[in-house]
Structure formats: structure tokens, C-alpha cells
Amino acid sequence: MPDLARRSTSMLCAIAVALLLLGCSSGGERSGSGSTSDAATFDFAGNTPLGELVPVEERQAAPAFGGELLDGTAFESASLAGDITVLNFWGSWCAPCRVETPEFQSVHADVADLGVRFLGVDVKDQRQLAQAFVDANGVGYPSLFDPRGEVALAFRGFPANVVPSTILLDRAGRVAAVYVAVVPEADLRRALDQLLAETPEDAPR
């Protein structure tokens, strides 16, 4: 009886492991087969060093995305066309965001008239808490309310669970940088100065 019991236990364990592996595999396939991902040309290949940019010839087009701003206004990424964009993923629950957000607001105030747009993406949050965070930090740029992280999923392979993180888009709507970390003000300014200095002649033919 002990031998039979041991064999039965081993068989049950093997079946459980097989089912677990099957479940993980199926989940991975589902996450990569959505229509949003299929529409994107960007495919995350690694983060960009702080303050640096992806070489122009290596940049990929950003996917289209949209949603609802914290104030309830509808938003579509097409409205960003022609501008440099700072796309910052944050949450009111995120301690590093409390340091980064005021610095982003400071940069935003200096470059808003130079064709640089800032757009926050508030994730895994409650609207009231997010709005209170924005008000407390005097944030003057809009934020999408994205509690399910759908915007991050549009950027294929982007590590959506890393908050804060920031994506820079150039004037042509291509991903010019992906910072998977807190971005110090000096590094953000250096990257934006490089993007502002780019001309149409810099675009690949």
C-alpha cells in the first residue's frame, strides 16, 4: 500500500505540473495575439540608457492608442502628430512617481511652447486618488486614466508592470527612447534637447 500511495502521489504531481505549464503557455499566446498588438509596429527590444535616444534609423513607429483622460475627455494618439511626446506611466500609489512627477512638470512648463507634449498614463489606480495626486503636484499636462494598463499593451513587449516608466516619441511618431526607470530631470532635458535639435533631414529615407 505505501508503494501504491507513493506512485499515485507522483502521478498526481506530474499531472498538476503539466497542467500548470499548459496554462502558462496558453496565457502567453493570448497576450501576444490581441488586435492592439497586431496593429503596432513597435516591438520592445530593451530599455534606452537615461538621457540617450534610439538612433534615428533604428526607430519604430509607435502604435495608435487612446482612451479617456482623467477629466472624462476622450483622447486619441493621432492628436499628437507632428509633436515630440513624453509618455509617462505613473500611479498615485507609486512612491518614485512622487519625486519624478514634479520634475516632469517643471520640464513641461519650459518646453510646452516648443512643440513638446506631455501625456501621463495613470495605471492600476482609482480616478479620485489619481486626480488628487495631479492636483497636489500641480500637474499641468493631461493624463489618460488606464487602470487596466491597455496603453502599455499597445507597445508590444513593453514591461507594463514597471512604474514609473517613460516613452519618448519623435515628431514623426516613432519611439525615440524607452526609459524603464525613474527619469531624473537633467536626463529628460538632455534627451528632449536632442529631439528638438533633429530636423526633417535627420529622418531615414
Protein backbone atom coordinates (compact mmCIF):
# COMPACT_ATOMS: atom_id res chain seq x y z
CA MET A 1 0.00 0.00 0.00
CA PRO A 2 2.74 2.55 0.78
CA ASP A 3 4.32 1.93 -2.67
CA LEU A 4 0.95 2.32 -4.37
CA ALA A 5 0.29 5.53 -2.46
CA ARG A 6 3.68 6.91 -3.44
CA ARG A 7 3.10 6.06 -7.12
CA SER A 8 -0.35 7.68 -7.03
CA THR A 9 1.05 10.82 -5.43
CA SER A 10 3.85 11.03 -8.00
CA MET A 11 1.37 10.66 -10.85
CA LEU A 12 -0.89 13.41 -9.47
CA CYS A 13 2.08 15.74 -9.08
CA ALA A 14 3.16 15.10 -12.68
CA ILE A 15 -0.34 15.85 -13.96
CA ALA A 16 -0.50 19.07 -11.91
CA VAL A 17 2.83 20.28 -13.28
CA ALA A 18 1.76 19.50 -16.84
CA LEU A 19 -1.48 21.44 -16.40
CA LEU A 20 0.38 24.39 -14.89
CA LEU A 21 2.80 24.54 -17.81
CA LEU A 22 -0.06 24.30 -20.29
CA GLY A 23 -1.85 27.16 -18.58
CA CYS A 24 1.23 29.42 -18.69
CA SER A 25 1.78 28.65 -22.37
CA SER A 26 -1.82 29.42 -23.27
CA GLY A 27 -1.73 32.68 -21.35
CA GLY A 28 1.38 33.78 -23.23
CA GLU A 29 -0.20 33.10 -26.59
CA ARG A 30 -3.29 35.09 -25.72
CA SER A 31 -1.32 38.10 -24.57
CA GLY A 32 0.54 38.28 -27.87
CA SER A 33 -2.40 37.78 -30.22
CA GLY A 34 -4.63 40.76 -29.48
CA SER A 35 -5.68 43.14 -32.23
CA THR A 36 -3.98 46.09 -30.50
CA SER A 37 -0.60 44.38 -30.56
CA ASP A 38 -1.03 43.24 -34.16
CA ALA A 39 -1.64 46.84 -35.22
CA ALA A 40 1.62 48.07 -33.69
CA THR A 41 4.98 48.19 -35.43
CA PHE A 42 6.95 48.89 -32.26
CA ASP A 43 8.42 45.84 -30.58
CA PHE A 44 10.27 46.35 -27.30
CA ALA A 45 13.87 45.19 -27.54
CA GLY A 46 15.30 46.71 -24.37
CA ASN A 47 15.40 49.95 -22.41
CA THR A 48 17.31 53.04 -23.54
CA PRO A 49 20.09 54.43 -21.31
CA LEU A 50 18.90 57.52 -19.43
CA GLY A 51 19.37 60.73 -21.37
CA GLU A 52 20.08 58.89 -24.62
CA LEU A 53 17.97 58.20 -27.71
CA VAL A 54 17.46 55.33 -30.10
CA PRO A 55 19.39 56.12 -33.34
CA VAL A 56 17.04 57.65 -35.91
CA GLU A 57 17.50 54.81 -38.39
CA GLU A 58 16.54 52.22 -35.76
CA ARG A 59 13.32 53.84 -34.54
CA GLN A 60 9.99 52.09 -34.97
CA ALA A 61 6.57 53.64 -35.43
CA ALA A 62 4.52 53.88 -32.26
CA PRO A 63 1.13 52.13 -32.24
CA ALA A 64 -2.11 54.04 -32.16
CA PHE A 65 -3.73 54.23 -28.75
CA GLY A 66 -6.45 56.13 -26.99
CA GLY A 67 -8.81 56.23 -24.07
CA GLU A 68 -10.30 58.62 -21.57
CA LEU A 69 -8.47 61.39 -19.75
CA LEU A 70 -8.86 61.82 -16.00
CA ASP A 71 -11.41 64.58 -16.64
CA GLY A 72 -13.51 62.23 -18.80
CA THR A 73 -12.46 63.70 -22.15
CA ALA A 74 -11.88 61.25 -24.99
CA PHE A 75 -8.32 61.09 -26.33
CA GLU A 76 -6.69 59.61 -29.43
CA SER A 77 -2.94 59.46 -30.07
CA ALA A 78 -3.48 60.89 -33.57
CA SER A 79 -3.75 64.30 -31.89
CA LEU A 80 -0.02 64.09 -31.05
CA ALA A 81 1.03 64.08 -34.71
CA GLY A 82 3.88 66.45 -35.52
CA ASP A 83 4.93 66.99 -31.90
CA ILE A 84 7.54 65.40 -29.69
CA THR A 85 5.75 63.44 -26.97
CA VAL A 86 6.72 62.41 -23.45
CA LEU A 87 4.52 59.46 -22.47
CA ASN A 88 4.88 58.81 -18.74
CA PHE A 89 3.34 55.81 -16.96
CA TRP A 90 2.57 56.57 -13.32
CA GLY A 91 0.26 55.83 -10.40
CA SER A 92 -0.77 57.71 -7.27
CA TRP A 93 0.36 54.64 -5.28
CA CYS A 94 3.88 54.79 -6.76
CA ALA A 95 6.43 56.30 -4.35
CA PRO A 96 9.08 57.14 -7.02
CA CYS A 97 6.38 58.96 -9.01
CA ARG A 98 6.10 61.48 -6.19
CA VAL A 99 9.67 62.51 -6.94
CA GLU A 100 9.55 62.23 -10.73
CA THR A 101 6.21 63.94 -11.42
CA PRO A 102 7.10 67.43 -10.09
CA GLU A 103 10.31 67.32 -12.13
CA PHE A 104 8.37 66.35 -15.26
CA GLN A 105 6.01 69.26 -14.63
CA SER A 106 8.99 71.61 -14.38
CA VAL A 107 10.30 70.43 -17.76
CA HIS A 108 6.82 70.58 -19.28
CA ALA A 109 6.46 74.22 -18.25
CA ASP A 110 9.71 75.07 -20.06
CA VAL A 111 9.12 73.20 -23.33
CA ALA A 112 5.35 73.36 -23.82
CA ASP A 113 5.75 76.17 -26.39
CA LEU A 114 8.46 74.31 -28.32
CA GLY A 115 6.29 71.55 -29.75
CA VAL A 116 6.76 69.08 -26.88
CA ARG A 117 3.65 67.38 -25.49
CA PHE A 118 3.47 65.55 -22.17
CA LEU A 119 0.89 62.83 -21.61
CA GLY A 120 0.61 60.86 -18.40
CA VAL A 121 -0.84 57.35 -18.30
CA ASP A 122 -2.31 56.57 -14.89
CA VAL A 123 -2.31 52.81 -14.30
CA LYS A 124 -3.69 50.44 -11.64
CA ASP A 125 -5.32 53.37 -9.89
CA GLN A 126 -8.59 54.91 -8.75
CA ARG A 127 -9.72 58.04 -10.55
CA GLN A 128 -10.24 60.11 -7.38
CA LEU A 129 -6.83 59.21 -5.97
CA ALA A 130 -5.19 59.94 -9.31
CA GLN A 131 -6.86 63.33 -9.61
CA ALA A 132 -5.83 64.21 -6.06
CA PHE A 133 -2.23 63.30 -6.95
CA VAL A 134 -2.33 65.50 -10.05
CA ASP A 135 -3.79 68.42 -8.09
CA ALA A 136 -1.30 68.07 -5.23
CA ASN A 137 1.64 68.16 -7.65
CA GLY A 138 0.31 70.99 -9.80
CA VAL A 139 0.50 68.90 -12.96
CA GLY A 140 -0.47 70.97 -15.99
CA TYR A 141 -0.47 68.24 -18.63
CA PRO A 142 -3.23 65.65 -19.18
CA SER A 143 -3.23 62.01 -18.13
CA LEU A 144 -5.09 59.05 -19.54
CA PHE A 145 -6.97 57.03 -16.94
CA ASP A 146 -5.86 53.50 -17.76
CA PRO A 147 -6.46 51.25 -14.73
CA ARG A 148 -6.10 48.06 -16.80
CA GLY A 149 -2.84 49.08 -18.49
CA GLU A 150 -4.22 48.89 -22.03
CA VAL A 151 -1.96 51.64 -23.40
CA ALA A 152 1.17 49.79 -22.32
CA LEU A 153 -0.11 46.64 -24.02
CA ALA A 154 -0.28 48.53 -27.32
CA PHE A 155 3.52 48.79 -27.24
CA ARG A 156 4.47 45.18 -27.93
CA GLY A 157 6.70 43.65 -25.29
CA PHE A 158 6.84 46.83 -23.20
CA PRO A 159 7.14 45.90 -19.50
CA ALA A 160 3.80 47.33 -18.41
CA ASN A 161 4.31 46.43 -14.74
CA VAL A 162 7.29 48.77 -14.35
CA VAL A 163 6.07 52.11 -12.97
CA PRO A 164 7.23 54.77 -13.45
CA SER A 165 8.47 54.33 -16.98
CA THR A 166 8.62 56.73 -19.91
CA ILE A 167 8.45 56.52 -23.70
CA LEU A 168 9.61 59.39 -25.91
CA LEU A 169 8.13 59.82 -29.39
CA ASP A 170 9.80 61.96 -32.04
CA ARG A 171 7.96 64.34 -34.39
CA ALA A 172 7.36 61.51 -36.85
CA GLY A 173 5.57 59.42 -34.20
CA ARG A 174 8.43 56.94 -33.79
CA VAL A 175 9.68 55.58 -30.47
CA ALA A 176 12.86 57.53 -29.74
CA ALA A 177 13.50 56.22 -26.21
CA VAL A 178 12.13 53.81 -23.63
CA TYR A 179 13.19 54.51 -20.05
CA VAL A 180 12.22 51.70 -17.68
CA ALA A 181 13.19 53.63 -14.55
CA VAL A 182 12.75 56.96 -12.82
CA VAL A 183 13.99 59.65 -15.25
CA PRO A 184 15.89 62.45 -13.49
CA GLU A 185 15.06 65.96 -14.72
CA ALA A 186 18.55 66.53 -16.16
CA ASP A 187 18.35 63.33 -18.23
CA LEU A 188 14.89 64.18 -19.56
CA ARG A 189 16.05 67.66 -20.56
CA ARG A 190 19.12 66.24 -22.32
CA ALA A 191 17.01 63.78 -24.34
CA LEU A 192 14.45 66.43 -25.29
CA ASP A 193 17.20 68.84 -26.36
CA GLN A 194 18.44 66.15 -28.76
CA LEU A 195 14.96 65.58 -30.16
CA LEU A 196 14.33 69.31 -30.55
CA ALA A 197 17.60 69.63 -32.46
CA GLU A 198 16.55 67.00 -35.01
CA THR A 199 15.45 68.22 -38.42
CA PRO A 200 13.46 66.56 -41.23
CA GLU A 201 16.81 65.82 -42.88
CA ASP A 202 17.61 63.51 -39.94
CA ALA A 203 14.76 61.15 -40.87
CA PRO A 204 15.78 57.98 -42.71
CA ARG A 205 14.93 57.80 -46.41
